[in-house]
Protein backbone atom coordinates (compact mmCIF):
# COMPACT_ATOMS: atom_id res chain seq x y z
CA MET A 1 -19.87 38.09 -4.02
CA LEU A 2 -22.14 35.08 -3.58
CA ILE A 3 -20.83 31.90 -5.22
CA LYS A 4 -23.37 29.23 -5.93
CA ARG A 5 -23.09 25.47 -6.03
CA ARG A 6 -22.60 25.32 -9.84
CA THR A 7 -19.64 27.74 -9.70
CA PHE A 8 -17.93 25.72 -6.99
CA LEU A 9 -18.36 22.44 -8.74
CA GLN A 10 -16.77 24.00 -11.83
CA THR A 11 -13.51 24.43 -9.93
CA GLY A 12 -12.56 20.99 -11.10
CA SER A 13 -9.55 19.08 -9.67
CA LEU A 14 -9.30 20.81 -6.32
CA ALA A 15 -13.00 20.10 -5.62
CA THR A 16 -12.33 16.48 -6.27
CA ALA A 17 -9.29 16.42 -4.12
CA SER A 18 -10.99 18.37 -1.30
CA LEU A 19 -13.72 15.70 -0.97
CA LEU A 20 -10.98 13.20 -0.13
CA VAL A 21 -9.62 15.27 2.77
CA PRO A 22 -10.51 14.25 6.30
CA LYS A 23 -12.04 16.75 8.57
CA PHE A 24 -9.16 16.76 10.94
CA MET A 25 -6.57 17.84 8.46
CA LYS A 26 -6.84 21.46 9.62
CA ALA A 27 -5.09 20.22 12.83
CA PHE A 28 -1.93 19.75 10.70
CA GLU A 29 -0.38 23.15 11.50
CA PRO A 30 3.30 23.82 12.27
CA GLN A 31 2.76 24.11 16.02
CA GLN A 32 1.38 20.60 16.22
CA GLY A 33 3.70 17.95 17.68
CA LEU A 34 5.41 15.68 15.18
CA VAL A 35 5.65 11.93 15.36
CA PRO A 36 8.43 11.34 17.87
CA PRO A 37 11.52 9.18 16.95
CA GLY A 38 10.81 5.47 17.30
CA ASN A 39 7.20 5.61 16.17
CA LYS A 40 6.34 3.01 13.59
CA THR A 41 5.40 3.75 10.01
CA LEU A 42 3.70 1.31 7.55
CA VAL A 43 4.28 1.55 3.83
CA VAL A 44 1.90 -0.64 1.79
CA ILE A 45 2.84 -1.59 -1.76
CA GLN A 46 -0.13 -3.00 -3.70
CA PHE A 47 0.61 -5.29 -6.60
CA SER A 48 -2.51 -4.50 -8.68
CA GLY A 49 -3.92 -7.08 -11.08
CA GLY A 50 -3.06 -10.31 -9.29
CA ASN A 51 0.69 -10.96 -9.17
CA ASP A 52 1.81 -14.50 -9.87
CA GLY A 53 3.27 -15.68 -6.59
CA LEU A 54 4.71 -18.94 -7.92
CA ASN A 55 7.05 -16.99 -10.24
CA THR A 56 7.89 -14.59 -7.38
CA VAL A 57 8.87 -17.10 -4.72
CA VAL A 58 9.92 -19.97 -6.90
CA PRO A 59 9.66 -23.66 -5.78
CA ILE A 60 12.95 -24.50 -7.54
CA THR A 61 12.99 -28.20 -6.66
CA ASN A 62 9.23 -28.99 -7.26
CA ASP A 63 8.70 -31.07 -10.42
CA LEU A 64 5.01 -30.14 -10.46
CA TYR A 65 5.93 -26.44 -10.81
CA PHE A 66 8.05 -27.09 -13.87
CA SER A 67 5.56 -29.60 -15.49
CA ASN A 68 2.69 -27.22 -15.04
CA ARG A 69 4.63 -24.35 -16.58
CA PRO A 70 6.82 -25.74 -19.39
CA ARG A 71 7.27 -22.36 -21.06
CA ILE A 72 6.89 -19.71 -18.32
CA HIS A 73 8.67 -21.22 -15.34
CA ILE A 74 11.70 -19.49 -13.78
CA PRO A 75 14.69 -21.84 -14.16
CA ALA A 76 16.31 -22.87 -10.91
CA THR A 77 19.64 -21.61 -12.24
CA GLN A 78 18.22 -18.14 -12.77
CA ALA A 79 16.32 -17.73 -9.52
CA HIS A 80 18.02 -16.15 -6.47
CA LYS A 81 18.37 -19.10 -4.17
CA LEU A 82 16.98 -18.58 -0.65
CA THR A 83 16.79 -22.15 0.62
CA THR A 84 17.21 -25.62 -0.83
CA ASP A 85 13.63 -25.43 -2.18
CA ALA A 86 12.92 -21.72 -2.71
CA GLY A 87 14.28 -18.98 -4.95
CA LEU A 88 13.31 -15.44 -5.95
CA HIS A 89 12.40 -14.04 -9.32
CA PRO A 90 15.64 -12.93 -11.11
CA ALA A 91 14.60 -9.20 -11.18
CA LEU A 92 14.24 -9.04 -7.34
CA THR A 93 17.93 -8.58 -6.44
CA ILE A 94 17.09 -6.19 -3.54
CA ALA A 95 14.81 -8.88 -2.02
CA LYS A 96 17.73 -11.42 -2.12
CA GLU A 97 20.01 -8.82 -0.44
CA LEU A 98 17.35 -8.09 2.25
CA TYR A 99 16.78 -11.80 2.79
CA ASP A 100 20.52 -12.38 3.34
CA ASN A 101 20.59 -9.46 5.77
CA GLY A 102 17.67 -10.74 7.84
CA GLU A 103 15.48 -7.84 6.69
CA LEU A 104 12.88 -9.73 4.67
CA ALA A 105 10.09 -12.09 5.81
CA ILE A 106 7.91 -13.98 3.39
CA MET A 107 4.43 -15.36 4.17
CA ASN A 108 3.21 -17.93 1.74
CA SER A 109 -0.34 -19.11 0.83
CA VAL A 110 -2.11 -16.02 2.07
CA GLY A 111 -5.73 -15.56 1.12
CA TYR A 112 -9.25 -16.04 2.46
CA PRO A 113 -12.04 -18.61 2.46
CA ASN A 114 -14.31 -18.90 -0.63
CA PRO A 115 -12.05 -16.69 -2.81
CA ASP A 116 -13.43 -14.46 -5.52
CA ARG A 117 -11.51 -14.25 -8.81
CA SER A 118 -12.87 -10.84 -9.86
CA HIS A 119 -10.24 -8.15 -9.62
CA PHE A 120 -12.66 -5.56 -8.27
CA ARG A 121 -14.43 -7.75 -5.77
CA SER A 122 -11.25 -9.44 -4.48
CA MET A 123 -9.56 -6.08 -4.06
CA ASP A 124 -12.52 -4.80 -2.20
CA ILE A 125 -12.30 -7.78 0.19
CA TRP A 126 -8.58 -7.09 0.75
CA HIS A 127 -9.18 -3.33 1.11
CA SER A 128 -12.15 -3.62 3.52
CA ALA A 129 -10.95 -6.77 5.40
CA SER A 130 -14.35 -8.32 4.92
CA GLU A 131 -15.29 -11.98 4.49
CA SER A 132 -16.04 -12.88 0.89
CA ASN A 133 -19.76 -12.80 1.61
CA GLU A 134 -19.63 -9.43 3.41
CA TYR A 135 -19.78 -5.94 1.92
CA PHE A 136 -18.14 -3.05 3.77
CA THR A 137 -18.12 0.53 2.74
CA THR A 138 -14.99 1.38 4.68
CA GLY A 139 -11.37 0.15 4.46
CA TRP A 140 -9.24 -1.35 7.26
CA LEU A 141 -6.88 1.54 7.29
CA GLY A 142 -9.70 3.99 7.11
CA ARG A 143 -11.18 2.40 10.24
CA TYR A 144 -7.71 2.57 11.77
CA LEU A 145 -7.94 6.35 11.32
CA ASP A 146 -11.40 6.41 12.90
CA GLU A 147 -10.19 4.40 15.87
CA GLN A 148 -6.95 6.32 16.41
CA CYS A 149 -8.35 9.74 15.93
CA LYS A 150 -11.09 9.82 18.54
CA ASN A 151 -10.67 13.02 20.57
CA CYS A 152 -7.03 13.44 19.54
CA THR A 153 -5.37 16.76 19.10
CA THR A 154 -2.58 15.59 16.84
CA PRO A 155 -4.31 12.92 14.70
CA THR A 156 -2.61 10.21 12.84
CA GLN A 157 -2.96 10.33 9.09
CA ALA A 158 -2.55 8.16 5.98
CA LEU A 159 -1.39 9.39 2.55
CA GLU A 160 -1.87 7.49 -0.74
CA VAL A 161 0.62 8.45 -3.50
CA ASP A 162 -2.00 8.45 -6.34
CA ASP A 163 -4.59 10.60 -7.98
CA VAL A 164 -7.64 8.85 -6.37
CA LEU A 165 -8.09 7.69 -2.89
CA SER A 166 -8.72 3.87 -2.55
CA LEU A 167 -11.35 2.22 -0.42
CA VAL A 168 -8.70 0.98 1.94
CA LEU A 169 -8.10 4.52 3.29
CA LYS A 170 -11.74 5.52 3.68
CA GLY A 171 -13.32 5.40 7.19
CA GLU A 172 -16.71 6.39 8.55
CA GLN A 173 -15.37 9.69 10.10
CA ASN A 174 -11.91 10.10 8.72
CA LYS A 175 -10.17 9.49 5.41
CA GLY A 176 -6.62 9.50 4.10
CA LEU A 177 -5.43 11.96 1.49
CA ALA A 178 -4.52 11.03 -2.13
CA LEU A 179 -1.80 13.15 -3.80
CA ARG A 180 0.68 12.45 -6.53
CA ASP A 181 3.31 14.83 -5.10
CA PRO A 182 3.13 17.50 -2.42
CA LYS A 183 4.43 20.32 -4.61
CA GLY A 184 1.71 19.71 -7.25
CA LEU A 185 -1.12 19.75 -4.76
CA TYR A 186 0.23 22.84 -3.00
CA GLY A 187 0.54 24.65 -6.37
CA VAL A 188 -3.01 23.95 -7.30
CA SER A 189 -4.44 24.73 -3.92
CA SER A 190 -2.61 27.95 -3.42
CA GLY A 191 -3.62 29.54 -6.74
CA ASN A 192 -5.43 32.89 -6.66
CA TYR A 193 -8.65 31.40 -8.10
CA PHE A 194 -9.20 28.93 -5.27
CA LYS A 195 -8.16 31.49 -2.60
CA SER A 196 -10.67 34.02 -4.06
CA LEU A 197 -13.38 31.45 -3.85
CA HIS A 198 -12.46 30.65 -0.27
CA HIS A 199 -12.47 34.33 0.82
CA ALA A 200 -15.57 35.21 -1.09
CA HIS A 201 -17.76 32.49 0.49
CA VAL A 202 -20.70 33.39 2.68
CA HIS A 203 -22.88 30.86 4.33
CA GLU A 204 -25.72 29.47 2.32
CA GLU A 205 -26.96 25.90 2.06
CA GLU A 206 -25.34 23.07 4.04
CA THR A 207 -23.96 21.15 1.03
CA VAL A 208 -22.13 24.23 -0.33
CA ASP A 209 -20.87 25.08 3.13
CA TYR A 210 -19.37 21.61 3.38
CA LEU A 211 -17.66 21.96 0.05
CA TYR A 212 -16.14 25.27 1.08
CA LYS A 213 -15.03 23.74 4.41
CA THR A 214 -13.23 20.93 2.67
CA MET A 215 -11.59 23.38 0.29
CA SER A 216 -10.33 25.41 3.18
CA GLU A 217 -8.92 22.32 4.90
CA THR A 218 -7.30 21.19 1.62
CA ILE A 219 -5.56 24.55 1.26
CA SER A 220 -4.24 24.32 4.77
CA SER A 221 -3.25 20.67 4.56
CA ALA A 222 -1.57 20.97 1.13
CA GLU A 223 0.65 23.80 2.42
CA TYR A 224 1.58 21.89 5.55
CA ILE A 225 2.43 18.63 3.64
CA TYR A 226 4.46 20.55 1.07
CA ARG A 227 6.43 22.50 3.63
CA GLN A 228 7.11 19.36 5.67
CA SER A 229 8.30 17.55 2.53
CA GLN A 230 10.84 20.36 2.01
CA LEU A 231 12.38 20.20 5.49
CA HIS A 232 14.52 17.16 4.77
CA PRO A 233 14.05 16.33 1.13
CA SER A 234 15.70 13.10 0.14
CA ALA A 235 19.05 13.63 -1.59
CA ALA A 236 19.06 10.08 -3.01
CA GLN A 237 18.85 9.56 -6.75
CA TYR A 238 15.64 7.67 -7.30
CA PRO A 239 14.66 6.21 -10.68
CA SER A 240 12.37 8.49 -12.78
CA THR A 241 9.69 5.74 -12.93
CA LYS A 242 6.27 6.13 -11.26
CA THR A 243 7.38 3.85 -8.43
CA GLY A 244 10.67 5.73 -8.04
CA LYS A 245 8.93 9.08 -7.79
CA SER A 246 6.39 7.70 -5.35
CA LEU A 247 8.95 6.21 -2.96
CA LYS A 248 11.02 9.37 -3.17
CA THR A 249 7.99 11.38 -2.06
CA ILE A 250 7.34 8.91 0.78
CA ALA A 251 11.00 8.97 1.83
CA SER A 252 11.07 12.83 1.97
CA LEU A 253 7.94 12.86 4.20
CA ILE A 254 9.27 10.14 6.46
CA LEU A 255 12.52 11.96 6.89
CA SER A 256 10.64 15.21 7.78
CA ASP A 257 8.91 13.51 10.70
CA ILE A 258 5.53 14.52 9.39
CA ASN A 259 2.68 13.19 11.48
CA THR A 260 1.87 10.33 9.08
CA ARG A 261 1.82 6.73 10.08
CA VAL A 262 0.62 5.02 6.86
CA TYR A 263 1.70 5.44 3.22
CA TYR A 264 0.10 3.55 0.30
CA VAL A 265 1.28 3.10 -3.20
CA SER A 266 0.26 0.79 -6.06
CA LEU A 267 2.22 -0.95 -8.85
CA GLY A 268 0.72 -2.72 -11.83
CA SER A 269 -0.85 -4.19 -13.72
CA PHE A 270 0.20 -7.75 -12.94
CA ASP A 271 -2.83 -9.25 -14.78
CA THR A 272 -0.53 -11.44 -16.89
CA HIS A 273 -2.95 -13.56 -18.99
CA VAL A 274 -0.56 -13.11 -21.98
CA ASN A 275 3.19 -12.83 -22.19
CA GLN A 276 3.72 -13.09 -18.43
CA GLU A 277 7.44 -13.35 -18.38
CA ASN A 278 8.09 -9.91 -19.96
CA GLN A 279 5.39 -8.04 -18.00
CA GLN A 280 6.28 -9.40 -14.62
CA THR A 281 9.96 -8.85 -15.18
CA LYS A 282 9.33 -5.26 -16.27
CA LEU A 283 7.25 -4.49 -13.20
CA PHE A 284 9.61 -6.23 -10.83
CA THR A 285 12.57 -4.37 -12.28
CA GLU A 286 10.71 -1.03 -11.71
CA LEU A 287 9.97 -2.08 -8.14
CA ASN A 288 13.55 -3.44 -7.56
CA ASP A 289 15.31 -0.36 -8.73
CA ALA A 290 13.03 2.03 -6.69
CA LEU A 291 13.02 -0.14 -3.58
CA SER A 292 16.81 -0.48 -3.59
CA VAL A 293 17.20 3.27 -3.26
CA PHE A 294 14.38 3.62 -0.77
CA VAL A 295 15.84 1.03 1.64
CA LYS A 296 19.29 2.50 1.36
CA ASP A 297 17.77 6.00 2.00
CA LEU A 298 16.02 4.87 5.11
CA LYS A 299 19.14 3.09 6.40
CA GLN A 300 21.37 6.08 5.89
CA ASN A 301 18.96 8.25 7.77
CA ARG A 302 18.43 5.67 10.55
CA ARG A 303 14.76 5.14 9.92
CA PHE A 304 14.77 1.62 8.55
CA ASN A 305 14.06 -0.01 11.91
CA ASP A 306 10.88 2.11 12.28
CA VAL A 307 9.43 1.42 8.78
CA MET A 308 7.59 -1.66 7.72
CA ILE A 309 7.14 -2.26 3.96
CA MET A 310 4.34 -4.69 3.27
CA THR A 311 3.39 -6.01 -0.18
CA PHE A 312 0.21 -7.80 -1.26
CA SER A 313 -1.92 -8.57 -4.33
CA GLU A 314 -5.66 -9.23 -4.55
CA PHE A 315 -5.02 -12.82 -5.61
CA GLY A 316 -2.38 -15.03 -7.15
CA ARG A 317 -2.50 -16.94 -10.47
CA ARG A 318 -3.44 -20.50 -11.37
CA VAL A 319 -0.79 -23.14 -11.10
CA LYS A 320 -1.03 -24.25 -14.70
CA GLN A 321 0.04 -21.86 -17.50
CA ASN A 322 -2.53 -21.00 -20.13
CA ALA A 323 -2.14 -21.19 -23.87
CA SER A 324 -0.94 -17.61 -24.24
CA ASN A 325 2.27 -17.99 -22.14
CA GLY A 326 0.48 -16.50 -19.19
CA THR A 327 -1.57 -17.52 -16.18
CA ASP A 328 -5.24 -16.90 -15.26
CA HIS A 329 -6.80 -15.62 -12.02
CA GLY A 330 -6.03 -17.74 -9.06
CA THR A 331 -6.37 -17.57 -5.30
CA ALA A 332 -3.71 -17.65 -2.54
CA ASN A 333 -0.48 -15.68 -2.79
CA ASN A 334 2.61 -14.57 -0.92
CA MET A 335 3.26 -11.38 1.02
CA PHE A 336 6.59 -9.69 1.70
CA PHE A 337 7.56 -7.78 4.91
CA ILE A 338 10.67 -5.59 4.79
CA SER A 339 12.05 -3.79 7.87
CA GLY A 340 14.94 -3.48 10.20
CA GLY A 341 12.52 -4.25 12.97
CA LEU A 342 11.60 -7.85 12.11
CA LYS A 343 11.63 -10.38 14.95
CA LYS A 344 11.41 -13.39 12.62
CA LYS A 345 13.05 -13.35 9.16
CA GLY A 346 13.13 -15.46 6.09
CA ILE A 347 10.46 -17.82 4.84
CA LEU A 348 7.83 -17.90 7.64
CA ASN A 349 5.77 -20.91 6.63
CA PRO A 350 5.87 -23.73 4.08
CA LEU A 351 5.80 -23.18 0.35
CA PRO A 352 2.43 -23.78 -1.38
CA ASP A 353 1.51 -27.50 -1.70
CA LEU A 354 1.22 -28.14 -5.45
CA GLN A 355 -0.19 -31.59 -4.87
CA ASP A 356 -3.16 -30.45 -2.80
CA LEU A 357 -5.05 -28.00 -5.05
CA ASN A 358 -8.63 -26.77 -5.20
CA ALA A 359 -9.69 -27.26 -8.81
CA GLY A 360 -6.28 -26.26 -10.03
CA ASP A 361 -5.81 -23.42 -7.51
CA LEU A 362 -3.58 -23.02 -4.47
CA LYS A 363 -5.39 -23.44 -1.11
CA HIS A 364 -4.92 -20.61 1.29
CA GLN A 365 -3.24 -21.53 4.60
CA VAL A 366 -3.11 -18.01 6.17
CA ASP A 367 -6.08 -15.64 6.40
CA PHE A 368 -4.83 -12.16 5.28
CA LYS A 369 -6.84 -10.60 8.13
CA THR A 370 -4.47 -12.20 10.64
CA VAL A 371 -1.65 -10.24 8.95
CA TYR A 372 -3.69 -7.05 9.23
CA ALA A 373 -4.31 -7.76 12.86
CA THR A 374 -0.63 -8.21 13.43
CA MET A 375 0.23 -4.88 11.77
CA LEU A 376 -2.51 -3.04 13.69
CA ARG A 377 -1.76 -4.49 17.11
CA LYS A 378 2.04 -4.97 17.08
CA TRP A 379 3.29 -2.28 14.62
CA LEU A 380 0.75 0.55 14.76
CA ASN A 381 -0.30 -0.08 18.39
CA ALA A 382 -3.98 0.05 17.54
CA ASP A 383 -7.09 -1.88 18.62
CA ASP A 384 -7.16 -4.49 15.92
CA ALA A 385 -10.37 -6.15 17.11
CA ALA A 386 -12.30 -2.90 16.96
CA ILE A 387 -10.93 -2.04 13.54
CA LEU A 388 -11.36 -5.52 11.97
CA LYS A 389 -14.70 -6.11 13.75
CA LYS A 390 -13.40 -9.41 15.02
CA LYS A 391 -10.47 -10.81 17.13
CA PHE A 392 -7.88 -12.58 14.96
CA GLN A 393 -4.71 -14.37 15.95
CA VAL A 394 -1.48 -12.44 15.37
CA HIS A 395 1.88 -13.59 14.02
CA ASP A 396 5.26 -13.36 15.69
CA PHE A 397 7.38 -11.94 12.87
CA ILE A 398 7.10 -8.50 14.46
């Protein structure tokens, strides 16, 4: 039976998923070597929409903070006190616990020169690790895959727990794989319809051959990922929220020793122009409840020292509240780093200077690309200069 282009494109969801699968995924077969104990894993949590950093790490003794936010500030008595001058949003109880244990590091005033206040453009800049006047078609973790998977027999891989693959995981030669849960992808890919398409294919035009090749790789990869996720499924009781389910999927894969070095998950939207207090609290509560179980799960299974959890948002919010009990798009923001493998803990640099603003916005003091360089070189053992297309200084918290 000869199956033409139109028939294949009508297969729907699997065709879409297949196009996201890197060419090397066929290498993920049971006989391949797994990531040995001690290898580092990076879990990136993206705060989509522009999280308000000032109500996350709260300057509890700064009068300018309270005067600029008369209705939406976090009272000093409600914030989890970290230092004399800094506290955490009340919903982030796990962050307070991690801070007290020496398992949390906070970098303030992270951003980039000439910031862009568009969600889409600023997120592209963070995903691609470009300058604000540069336009890249690949992401920094996608280029990590390109760099690490040259001539390798057991390639590294990145998984995004979502329906669509983000730019950050797209390289020139290799890409990560987006999936909501391993069982769902395996169930779709192993259906008789897709298998019949695969077996019935005969060579025809190049484009159709490519589509069938990626479908074949998807079927193979989906089965491998699903079976690995079942080797040591997490027994912990995660919340039934989107973030809870995502972190449970990640935990089960980490505990299986699947050959995966990077996991990516998003939480949002933090675009709090209106009614910021309720929205941010709701999102932080979801994060807090899921992250509490995730960290405990990793610790109980002796993997916490090998996992780095990194949070970021495409920009922060303006210092002054708006008329709708919210905040508008800003610039610099904070980043969290959570791990049992930190070399420096706590607040790594000064809190934002609320007296020295740029037209009402925070000035960035740390280029986010130096954080990426640190993660690539010191955590993932990769060539950061080749991946970021420039040599950046690295930090000493890992």
